[in-house]
Amino acid sequence: MGLNVVIFLLNTDRGLQATELCNECIILLQNLDSG
């Protein structure tokens, strides 16, 4: 869901918000298999 919002934000020139959300998504994925 977050990445879909990231793409929407990028397509509407809201790059800074998209950047923050995309980094949060990556952190969530890394937490799936931390260590």
Full PDB file with SEQRES, HELIX, SHEET, SSBOND, CRYST1, ORIGX, SCALE, CONECT and MASTER records, all heavy atoms in Angstrom:
SEQRES   1 A   35  MET GLY LEU ASN VAL VAL ILE PHE LEU LEU ASN THR ASP          
SEQRES   2 A   35  ARG GLY LEU GLN ALA THR GLU LEU CYS ASN GLU CYS ILE          
SEQRES   3 A   35  ILE LEU LEU GLN ASN LEU ASP SER GLY                          
HELIX    1 AA1 GLY A    2  ASN A   11  1                                  10    
HELIX    2 AA2 GLY A   15  LEU A   32  1                                  18    
CRYST1    1.000    1.000    1.000  90.00  90.00  90.00 P 1           1          
ORIGX1      1.000000  0.000000  0.000000        0.00000                         
ORIGX2      0.000000  1.000000  0.000000        0.00000                         
ORIGX3      0.000000  0.000000  1.000000        0.00000                         
SCALE1      1.000000  0.000000  0.000000        0.00000                         
SCALE2      0.000000  1.000000  0.000000        0.00000                         
SCALE3      0.000000  0.000000  1.000000        0.00000                         
ATOM      1  N   MET A   1       0.837  -1.211   0.000  1.00  0.00           N  
ATOM      2  CA  MET A   1       0.000   0.000   0.000  1.00  0.00           C  
ATOM      3  C   MET A   1       0.871   1.261   0.000  1.00  0.00           C  
ATOM      4  O   MET A   1       0.591   2.230  -0.721  1.00  0.00           O  
ATOM      5  CB  MET A   1      -0.919  -0.010   1.221  1.00  0.00           C  
ATOM      6  CG  MET A   1      -1.994  -1.084   1.185  1.00  0.00           C  
ATOM      7  SD  MET A   1      -2.948  -1.156   2.729  1.00  0.00           S  
ATOM      8  CE  MET A   1      -3.670   0.486   2.762  1.00  0.00           C  
ATOM      9  N   GLY A   2       1.943   1.220   0.811  1.00  0.00           N  
ATOM     10  CA  GLY A   2       2.825   2.376   0.894  1.00  0.00           C  
ATOM     11  C   GLY A   2       3.485   2.696  -0.428  1.00  0.00           C  
ATOM     12  O   GLY A   2       3.573   3.871  -0.826  1.00  0.00           O  
ATOM     13  N   LEU A   3       3.930   1.660  -1.142  1.00  0.00           N  
ATOM     14  CA  LEU A   3       4.598   1.898  -2.420  1.00  0.00           C  
ATOM     15  C   LEU A   3       3.627   2.433  -3.469  1.00  0.00           C  
ATOM     16  O   LEU A   3       4.014   3.227  -4.329  1.00  0.00           O  
ATOM     17  CB  LEU A   3       5.259   0.614  -2.911  1.00  0.00           C  
ATOM     18  CG  LEU A   3       6.529   0.218  -2.164  1.00  0.00           C  
ATOM     19  CD1 LEU A   3       7.044  -1.127  -2.646  1.00  0.00           C  
ATOM     20  CD2 LEU A   3       7.618   1.279  -2.333  1.00  0.00           C  
ATOM     21  N   ASN A   4       2.392   2.004  -3.407  1.00  0.00           N  
ATOM     22  CA  ASN A   4       1.400   2.560  -4.323  1.00  0.00           C  
ATOM     23  C   ASN A   4       1.216   4.057  -4.072  1.00  0.00           C  
ATOM     24  O   ASN A   4       1.069   4.848  -5.008  1.00  0.00           O  
ATOM     25  CB  ASN A   4       0.061   1.835  -4.170  1.00  0.00           C  
ATOM     26  CG  ASN A   4       0.081   0.442  -4.771  1.00  0.00           C  
ATOM     27  OD1 ASN A   4       0.844   0.177  -5.693  1.00  0.00           O  
ATOM     28  ND2 ASN A   4      -0.740  -0.446  -4.244  1.00  0.00           N  
ATOM     29  N   VAL A   5       1.244   4.442  -2.793  1.00  0.00           N  
ATOM     30  CA  VAL A   5       1.139   5.864  -2.450  1.00  0.00           C  
ATOM     31  C   VAL A   5       2.396   6.603  -2.897  1.00  0.00           C  
ATOM     32  O   VAL A   5       2.325   7.738  -3.399  1.00  0.00           O  
ATOM     33  CB  VAL A   5       0.918   6.046  -0.930  1.00  0.00           C  
ATOM     34  CG1 VAL A   5       0.912   7.526  -0.576  1.00  0.00           C  
ATOM     35  CG2 VAL A   5      -0.403   5.413  -0.507  1.00  0.00           C  
ATOM     36  N   VAL A   6       3.581   5.955  -2.747  1.00  0.00           N  
ATOM     37  CA  VAL A   6       4.839   6.550  -3.198  1.00  0.00           C  
ATOM     38  C   VAL A   6       4.756   6.905  -4.679  1.00  0.00           C  
ATOM     39  O   VAL A   6       5.103   8.018  -5.104  1.00  0.00           O  
ATOM     40  CB  VAL A   6       6.027   5.590  -2.950  1.00  0.00           C  
ATOM     41  CG1 VAL A   6       7.262   6.046  -3.733  1.00  0.00           C  
ATOM     42  CG2 VAL A   6       6.353   5.531  -1.466  1.00  0.00           C  
ATOM     43  N   ILE A   7       4.283   5.964  -5.484  1.00  0.00           N  
ATOM     44  CA  ILE A   7       4.197   6.184  -6.931  1.00  0.00           C  
ATOM     45  C   ILE A   7       3.215   7.307  -7.246  1.00  0.00           C  
ATOM     46  O   ILE A   7       3.470   8.158  -8.109  1.00  0.00           O  
ATOM     47  CB  ILE A   7       3.802   4.871  -7.648  1.00  0.00           C  
ATOM     48  CG1 ILE A   7       4.976   3.880  -7.552  1.00  0.00           C  
ATOM     49  CG2 ILE A   7       3.436   5.134  -9.101  1.00  0.00           C  
ATOM     50  CD1 ILE A   7       4.642   2.485  -8.001  1.00  0.00           C  
ATOM     51  N   PHE A   8       2.092   7.344  -6.526  1.00  0.00           N  
ATOM     52  CA  PHE A   8       1.133   8.436  -6.727  1.00  0.00           C  
ATOM     53  C   PHE A   8       1.760   9.785  -6.389  1.00  0.00           C  
ATOM     54  O   PHE A   8       1.616  10.758  -7.138  1.00  0.00           O  
ATOM     55  CB  PHE A   8      -0.110   8.202  -5.859  1.00  0.00           C  
ATOM     56  CG  PHE A   8      -1.065   9.368  -5.862  1.00  0.00           C  
ATOM     57  CD1 PHE A   8      -1.886   9.613  -6.959  1.00  0.00           C  
ATOM     58  CD2 PHE A   8      -1.124  10.238  -4.784  1.00  0.00           C  
ATOM     59  CE1 PHE A   8      -2.754  10.694  -6.977  1.00  0.00           C  
ATOM     60  CE2 PHE A   8      -1.988  11.318  -4.788  1.00  0.00           C  
ATOM     61  CZ  PHE A   8      -2.810  11.546  -5.884  1.00  0.00           C  
ATOM     62  N   LEU A   9       2.491   9.849  -5.268  1.00  0.00           N  
ATOM     63  CA  LEU A   9       3.129  11.104  -4.863  1.00  0.00           C  
ATOM     64  C   LEU A   9       4.172  11.552  -5.875  1.00  0.00           C  
ATOM     65  O   LEU A   9       4.275  12.740  -6.205  1.00  0.00           O  
ATOM     66  CB  LEU A   9       3.770  10.946  -3.483  1.00  0.00           C  
ATOM     67  CG  LEU A   9       2.817  10.799  -2.298  1.00  0.00           C  
ATOM     68  CD1 LEU A   9       3.587  10.426  -1.038  1.00  0.00           C  
ATOM     69  CD2 LEU A   9       2.015  12.083  -2.074  1.00  0.00           C  
ATOM     70  N   LEU A  10       4.948  10.586  -6.386  1.00  0.00           N  
ATOM     71  CA  LEU A  10       5.962  10.929  -7.376  1.00  0.00           C  
ATOM     72  C   LEU A  10       5.326  11.429  -8.670  1.00  0.00           C  
ATOM     73  O   LEU A  10       5.811  12.375  -9.287  1.00  0.00           O  
ATOM     74  CB  LEU A  10       6.856   9.714  -7.662  1.00  0.00           C  
ATOM     75  CG  LEU A  10       7.839   9.341  -6.557  1.00  0.00           C  
ATOM     76  CD1 LEU A  10       8.438   7.978  -6.827  1.00  0.00           C  
ATOM     77  CD2 LEU A  10       8.941  10.384  -6.448  1.00  0.00           C  
ATOM     78  N   ASN A  11       4.240  10.795  -9.071  1.00  0.00           N  
ATOM     79  CA  ASN A  11       3.561  11.201 -10.300  1.00  0.00           C  
ATOM     80  C   ASN A  11       2.899  12.564 -10.180  1.00  0.00           C  
ATOM     81  O   ASN A  11       2.577  13.197 -11.195  1.00  0.00           O  
ATOM     82  CB  ASN A  11       2.510  10.157 -10.692  1.00  0.00           C  
ATOM     83  CG  ASN A  11       3.127   8.967 -11.410  1.00  0.00           C  
ATOM     84  OD1 ASN A  11       4.082   9.132 -12.152  1.00  0.00           O  
ATOM     85  ND2 ASN A  11       2.593   7.787 -11.177  1.00  0.00           N  
ATOM     86  N   THR A  12       2.692  13.023  -8.954  1.00  0.00           N  
ATOM     87  CA  THR A  12       2.073  14.336  -8.735  1.00  0.00           C  
ATOM     88  C   THR A  12       3.089  15.342  -8.188  1.00  0.00           C  
ATOM     89  O   THR A  12       2.729  16.322  -7.546  1.00  0.00           O  
ATOM     90  CB  THR A  12       0.872  14.217  -7.772  1.00  0.00           C  
ATOM     91  OG1 THR A  12       1.287  13.542  -6.566  1.00  0.00           O  
ATOM     92  CG2 THR A  12      -0.269  13.440  -8.413  1.00  0.00           C  
ATOM     93  N   ASP A  13       4.374  15.062  -8.461  1.00  0.00           N  
ATOM     94  CA  ASP A  13       5.473  15.983  -8.143  1.00  0.00           C  
ATOM     95  C   ASP A  13       5.648  16.255  -6.646  1.00  0.00           C  
ATOM     96  O   ASP A  13       6.191  17.287  -6.258  1.00  0.00           O  
ATOM     97  CB  ASP A  13       5.304  17.325  -8.873  1.00  0.00           C  
ATOM     98  CG  ASP A  13       5.796  17.248 -10.314  1.00  0.00           C  
ATOM     99  OD1 ASP A  13       6.181  16.147 -10.734  1.00  0.00           O  
ATOM    100  OD2 ASP A  13       5.789  18.279 -10.999  1.00  0.00           O  
ATOM    101  N   ARG A  14       5.208  15.332  -5.810  1.00  0.00           N  
ATOM    102  CA  ARG A  14       5.413  15.487  -4.371  1.00  0.00           C  
ATOM    103  C   ARG A  14       6.557  14.565  -3.933  1.00  0.00           C  
ATOM    104  O   ARG A  14       6.364  13.596  -3.216  1.00  0.00           O  
ATOM    105  CB  ARG A  14       4.115  15.216  -3.623  1.00  0.00           C  
ATOM    106  CG  ARG A  14       3.135  16.373  -3.730  1.00  0.00           C  
ATOM    107  CD  ARG A  14       1.821  16.083  -3.057  1.00  0.00           C  
ATOM    108  NE  ARG A  14       0.953  15.252  -3.891  1.00  0.00           N  
ATOM    109  CZ  ARG A  14      -0.276  14.878  -3.543  1.00  0.00           C  
ATOM    110  NH1 ARG A  14      -0.773  15.239  -2.376  1.00  0.00           N  
ATOM    111  NH2 ARG A  14      -1.000  14.135  -4.351  1.00  0.00           N  
ATOM    112  N   GLY A  15       7.740  14.900  -4.443  1.00  0.00           N  
ATOM    113  CA  GLY A  15       8.886  14.023  -4.289  1.00  0.00           C  
ATOM    114  C   GLY A  15       9.372  13.861  -2.871  1.00  0.00           C  
ATOM    115  O   GLY A  15       9.805  12.776  -2.476  1.00  0.00           O  
ATOM    116  N   LEU A  16       9.329  14.925  -2.074  1.00  0.00           N  
ATOM    117  CA  LEU A  16       9.867  14.835  -0.726  1.00  0.00           C  
ATOM    118  C   LEU A  16       9.039  13.901   0.149  1.00  0.00           C  
ATOM    119  O   LEU A  16       9.576  13.097   0.910  1.00  0.00           O  
ATOM    120  CB  LEU A  16       9.937  16.232  -0.105  1.00  0.00           C  
ATOM    121  CG  LEU A  16      10.812  17.237  -0.862  1.00  0.00           C  
ATOM    122  CD1 LEU A  16      10.902  18.551  -0.094  1.00  0.00           C  
ATOM    123  CD2 LEU A  16      12.209  16.675  -1.097  1.00  0.00           C  
ATOM    124  N   GLN A  17       7.712  14.009   0.018  1.00  0.00           N  
ATOM    125  CA  GLN A  17       6.847  13.096   0.788  1.00  0.00           C  
ATOM    126  C   GLN A  17       7.046  11.650   0.320  1.00  0.00           C  
ATOM    127  O   GLN A  17       7.081  10.719   1.133  1.00  0.00           O  
ATOM    128  CB  GLN A  17       5.372  13.485   0.627  1.00  0.00           C  
ATOM    129  CG  GLN A  17       5.022  14.863   1.174  1.00  0.00           C  
ATOM    130  CD  GLN A  17       5.020  15.925   0.094  1.00  0.00           C  
ATOM    131  OE1 GLN A  17       5.921  15.989  -0.723  1.00  0.00           O  
ATOM    132  NE2 GLN A  17       3.995  16.758   0.108  1.00  0.00           N  
ATOM    133  N   ALA A  18       7.198  11.494  -0.999  1.00  0.00           N  
ATOM    134  CA  ALA A  18       7.414  10.152  -1.543  1.00  0.00           C  
ATOM    135  C   ALA A  18       8.715   9.561  -1.035  1.00  0.00           C  
ATOM    136  O   ALA A  18       8.790   8.371  -0.711  1.00  0.00           O  
ATOM    137  CB  ALA A  18       7.422  10.212  -3.068  1.00  0.00           C  
ATOM    138  N   THR A  19       9.746  10.391  -0.947  1.00  0.00           N  
ATOM    139  CA  THR A  19      11.049   9.932  -0.469  1.00  0.00           C  
ATOM    140  C   THR A  19      10.957   9.400   0.957  1.00  0.00           C  
ATOM    141  O   THR A  19      11.458   8.313   1.270  1.00  0.00           O  
ATOM    142  CB  THR A  19      12.062  11.093  -0.522  1.00  0.00           C  
ATOM    143  OG1 THR A  19      12.214  11.519  -1.871  1.00  0.00           O  
ATOM    144  CG2 THR A  19      13.405  10.673   0.030  1.00  0.00           C  
ATOM    145  N   GLU A  20      10.305  10.147   1.820  1.00  0.00           N  
ATOM    146  CA  GLU A  20      10.178   9.730   3.220  1.00  0.00           C  
ATOM    147  C   GLU A  20       9.409   8.416   3.343  1.00  0.00           C  
ATOM    148  O   GLU A  20       9.799   7.511   4.085  1.00  0.00           O  
ATOM    149  CB  GLU A  20       9.477  10.830   4.013  1.00  0.00           C  
ATOM    150  CG  GLU A  20      10.292  12.112   4.129  1.00  0.00           C  
ATOM    151  CD  GLU A  20       9.500  13.262   4.738  1.00  0.00           C  
ATOM    152  OE1 GLU A  20       8.328  13.034   5.098  1.00  0.00           O  
ATOM    153  OE2 GLU A  20      10.062  14.374   4.856  1.00  0.00           O  
ATOM    154  N   LEU A  21       8.309   8.311   2.593  1.00  0.00           N  
ATOM    155  CA  LEU A  21       7.483   7.106   2.671  1.00  0.00           C  
ATOM    156  C   LEU A  21       8.211   5.892   2.101  1.00  0.00           C  
ATOM    157  O   LEU A  21       8.142   4.788   2.661  1.00  0.00           O  
ATOM    158  CB  LEU A  21       6.164   7.330   1.925  1.00  0.00           C  
ATOM    159  CG  LEU A  21       5.158   6.177   1.949  1.00  0.00           C  
ATOM    160  CD1 LEU A  21       4.840   5.752   3.376  1.00  0.00           C  
ATOM    161  CD2 LEU A  21       3.884   6.577   1.217  1.00  0.00           C  
ATOM    162  N   CYS A  22       8.953   6.098   1.008  1.00  0.00           N  
ATOM    163  CA  CYS A  22       9.679   4.993   0.389  1.00  0.00           C  
ATOM    164  C   CYS A  22      10.745   4.449   1.343  1.00  0.00           C  
ATOM    165  O   CYS A  22      10.919   3.235   1.473  1.00  0.00           O  
ATOM    166  CB  CYS A  22      10.324   5.467  -0.913  1.00  0.00           C  
ATOM    167  SG  CYS A  22      10.861   4.117  -1.972  1.00  0.00           S  
ATOM    168  N   ASN A  23      11.443   5.329   2.023  1.00  0.00           N  
ATOM    169  CA  ASN A  23      12.450   4.885   2.988  1.00  0.00           C  
ATOM    170  C   ASN A  23      11.811   4.100   4.136  1.00  0.00           C  
ATOM    171  O   ASN A  23      12.377   3.124   4.628  1.00  0.00           O  
ATOM    172  CB  ASN A  23      13.225   6.088   3.532  1.00  0.00           C  
ATOM    173  CG  ASN A  23      14.223   6.635   2.532  1.00  0.00           C  
ATOM    174  OD1 ASN A  23      14.753   5.897   1.708  1.00  0.00           O  
ATOM    175  ND2 ASN A  23      14.486   7.927   2.595  1.00  0.00           N  
ATOM    176  N   GLU A  24      10.614   4.513   4.549  1.00  0.00           N  
ATOM    177  CA  GLU A  24       9.902   3.780   5.610  1.00  0.00           C  
ATOM    178  C   GLU A  24       9.538   2.373   5.131  1.00  0.00           C  
ATOM    179  O   GLU A  24       9.609   1.407   5.899  1.00  0.00           O  
ATOM    180  CB  GLU A  24       8.650   4.546   6.018  1.00  0.00           C  
ATOM    181  CG  GLU A  24       8.947   5.830   6.796  1.00  0.00           C  
ATOM    182  CD  GLU A  24       7.689   6.619   7.120  1.00  0.00           C  
ATOM    183  OE1 GLU A  24       6.586   6.079   6.913  1.00  0.00           O  
ATOM    184  OE2 GLU A  24       7.808   7.781   7.573  1.00  0.00           O  
ATOM    185  N   CYS A  25       9.149   2.254   3.862  1.00  0.00           N  
ATOM    186  CA  CYS A  25       8.808   0.937   3.307  1.00  0.00           C  
ATOM    187  C   CYS A  25      10.020   0.014   3.305  1.00  0.00           C  
ATOM    188  O   CYS A  25       9.912  -1.174   3.634  1.00  0.00           O  
ATOM    189  CB  CYS A  25       8.278   1.090   1.878  1.00  0.00           C  
ATOM    190  SG  CYS A  25       6.638   1.837   1.764  1.00  0.00           S  
ATOM    191  N   ILE A  26      11.165   0.558   2.962  1.00  0.00           N  
ATOM    192  CA  ILE A  26      12.385  -0.248   2.934  1.00  0.00           C  
ATOM    193  C   ILE A  26      12.752  -0.715   4.343  1.00  0.00           C  
ATOM    194  O   ILE A  26      13.136  -1.869   4.550  1.00  0.00           O  
ATOM    195  CB  ILE A  26      13.537   0.551   2.305  1.00  0.00           C  
ATOM    196  CG1 ILE A  26      13.250   0.771   0.812  1.00  0.00           C  
ATOM    197  CG2 ILE A  26      14.868  -0.172   2.477  1.00  0.00           C  
ATOM    198  CD1 ILE A  26      14.207   1.719   0.137  1.00  0.00           C  
ATOM    199  N   ILE A  27      12.600   0.166   5.313  1.00  0.00           N  
ATOM    200  CA  ILE A  27      12.884  -0.200   6.704  1.00  0.00           C  
ATOM    201  C   ILE A  27      11.954  -1.326   7.154  1.00  0.00           C  
ATOM    202  O   ILE A  27      12.377  -2.284   7.815  1.00  0.00           O  
ATOM    203  CB  ILE A  27      12.746   1.019   7.624  1.00  0.00           C  
ATOM    204  CG1 ILE A  27      13.868   2.018   7.351  1.00  0.00           C  
ATOM    205  CG2 ILE A  27      12.780   0.599   9.100  1.00  0.00           C  
ATOM    206  CD1 ILE A  27      13.677   3.370   8.016  1.00  0.00           C  
ATOM    207  N   LEU A  28      10.677  -1.244   6.791  1.00  0.00           N  
ATOM    208  CA  LEU A  28       9.721  -2.296   7.136  1.00  0.00           C  
ATOM    209  C   LEU A  28      10.144  -3.637   6.544  1.00  0.00           C  
ATOM    210  O   LEU A  28      10.090  -4.673   7.215  1.00  0.00           O  
ATOM    211  CB  LEU A  28       8.325  -1.932   6.637  1.00  0.00           C  
ATOM    212  CG  LEU A  28       7.533  -0.920   7.462  1.00  0.00           C  
ATOM    213  CD1 LEU A  28       6.245  -0.549   6.744  1.00  0.00           C  
ATOM    214  CD2 LEU A  28       7.215  -1.489   8.845  1.00  0.00           C  
ATOM    215  N   LEU A  29      10.578  -3.624   5.283  1.00  0.00           N  
ATOM    216  CA  LEU A  29      11.002  -4.866   4.640  1.00  0.00           C  
ATOM    217  C   LEU A  29      12.236  -5.443   5.319  1.00  0.00           C  
ATOM    218  O   LEU A  29      12.346  -6.659   5.505  1.00  0.00           O  
ATOM    219  CB  LEU A  29      11.296  -4.616   3.162  1.00  0.00           C  
ATOM    220  CG  LEU A  29      10.078  -4.481   2.249  1.00  0.00           C  
ATOM    221  CD1 LEU A  29      10.523  -4.199   0.822  1.00  0.00           C  
ATOM    222  CD2 LEU A  29       9.229  -5.745   2.275  1.00  0.00           C  
ATOM    223  N   GLN A  30      13.164  -4.564   5.670  1.00  0.00           N  
ATOM    224  CA  GLN A  30      14.372  -5.048   6.337  1.00  0.00           C  
ATOM    225  C   GLN A  30      14.049  -5.672   7.686  1.00  0.00           C  
ATOM    226  O   GLN A  30      14.716  -6.617   8.123  1.00  0.00           O  
ATOM    227  CB  GLN A  30      15.369  -3.891   6.495  1.00  0.00           C  
ATOM    228  CG  GLN A  30      15.958  -3.440   5.162  1.00  0.00           C  
ATOM    229  CD  GLN A  30      16.730  -2.149   5.264  1.00  0.00           C  
ATOM    230  OE1 GLN A  30      16.516  -1.363   6.173  1.00  0.00           O  
ATOM    231  NE2 GLN A  30      17.624  -1.910   4.317  1.00  0.00           N  
ATOM    232  N   ASN A  31      12.998  -5.189   8.326  1.00  0.00           N  
ATOM    233  CA  ASN A  31      12.587  -5.747   9.618  1.00  0.00           C  
ATOM    234  C   ASN A  31      11.989  -7.147   9.493  1.00  0.00           C  
ATOM    235  O   ASN A  31      11.880  -7.871  10.478  1.00  0.00           O  
ATOM    236  CB  ASN A  31      11.570  -4.832  10.292  1.00  0.00           C  
ATOM    237  CG  ASN A  31      12.205  -3.558  10.814  1.00  0.00           C  
ATOM    238  OD1 ASN A  31      13.406  -3.513  11.049  1.00  0.00           O  
ATOM    239  ND2 ASN A  31      11.404  -2.515  10.985  1.00  0.00           N  
ATOM    240  N   LEU A  32      11.606  -7.529   8.270  1.00  0.00           N  
ATOM    241  CA  LEU A  32      11.090  -8.886   8.065  1.00  0.00           C  
ATOM    242  C   LEU A  32      12.163  -9.932   8.345  1.00  0.00           C  
ATOM    243  O   LEU A  32      11.868 -11.052   8.713  1.00  0.00           O  
ATOM    244  CB  LEU A  32      10.610  -9.062   6.613  1.00  0.00           C  
ATOM    245  CG  LEU A  32       9.207  -8.576   6.282  1.00  0.00           C  
ATOM    246  CD1 LEU A  32       8.964  -8.697   4.795  1.00  0.00           C  
ATOM    247  CD2 LEU A  32       8.159  -9.377   7.043  1.00  0.00           C  
ATOM    248  N   ASP A  33      13.402  -9.527   8.111  1.00  0.00           N  
ATOM    249  CA  ASP A  33      14.483 -10.495   8.280  1.00  0.00           C  
ATOM    250  C   ASP A  33      15.707  -9.824   8.868  1.00  0.00           C  
ATOM    251  O   ASP A  33      16.806  -9.948   8.369  1.00  0.00           O  
ATOM    252  CB  ASP A  33      14.820 -11.139   6.926  1.00  0.00           C  
ATOM    253  CG  ASP A  33      15.618 -12.417   7.109  1.00  0.00           C  
ATOM    254  OD1 ASP A  33      15.272 -13.197   8.012  1.00  0.00           O  
ATOM    255  OD2 ASP A  33      16.573 -12.622   6.362  1.00  0.00           O  
ATOM    256  N   SER A  34      15.516  -9.076   9.941  1.00  0.00           N  
ATOM    257  CA  SER A  34      16.627  -8.360  10.557  1.00  0.00           C  
ATOM    258  C   SER A  34      17.665  -9.340  11.080  1.00  0.00           C  
ATOM    259  O   SER A  34      17.339 -10.411  11.565  1.00  0.00           O  
ATOM    260  CB  SER A  34      16.115  -7.489  11.702  1.00  0.00           C  
ATOM    261  OG  SER A  34      15.471  -8.287  12.669  1.00  0.00           O  
ATOM    262  N   GLY A  35      18.927  -8.953  10.943  1.00  0.00           N  
ATOM    263  CA  GLY A  35      20.023  -9.794  11.416  1.00  0.00           C  
ATOM    264  C   GLY A  35      20.554 -10.737  10.381  1.00  0.00           C  
ATOM    265  O   GLY A  35      21.503 -11.465  10.619  1.00  0.00           O  
TER     266      GLY A  35                                                      
MASTER        0    0    0    2    0    0    0    6  265    1    0    3          
END                                                                             
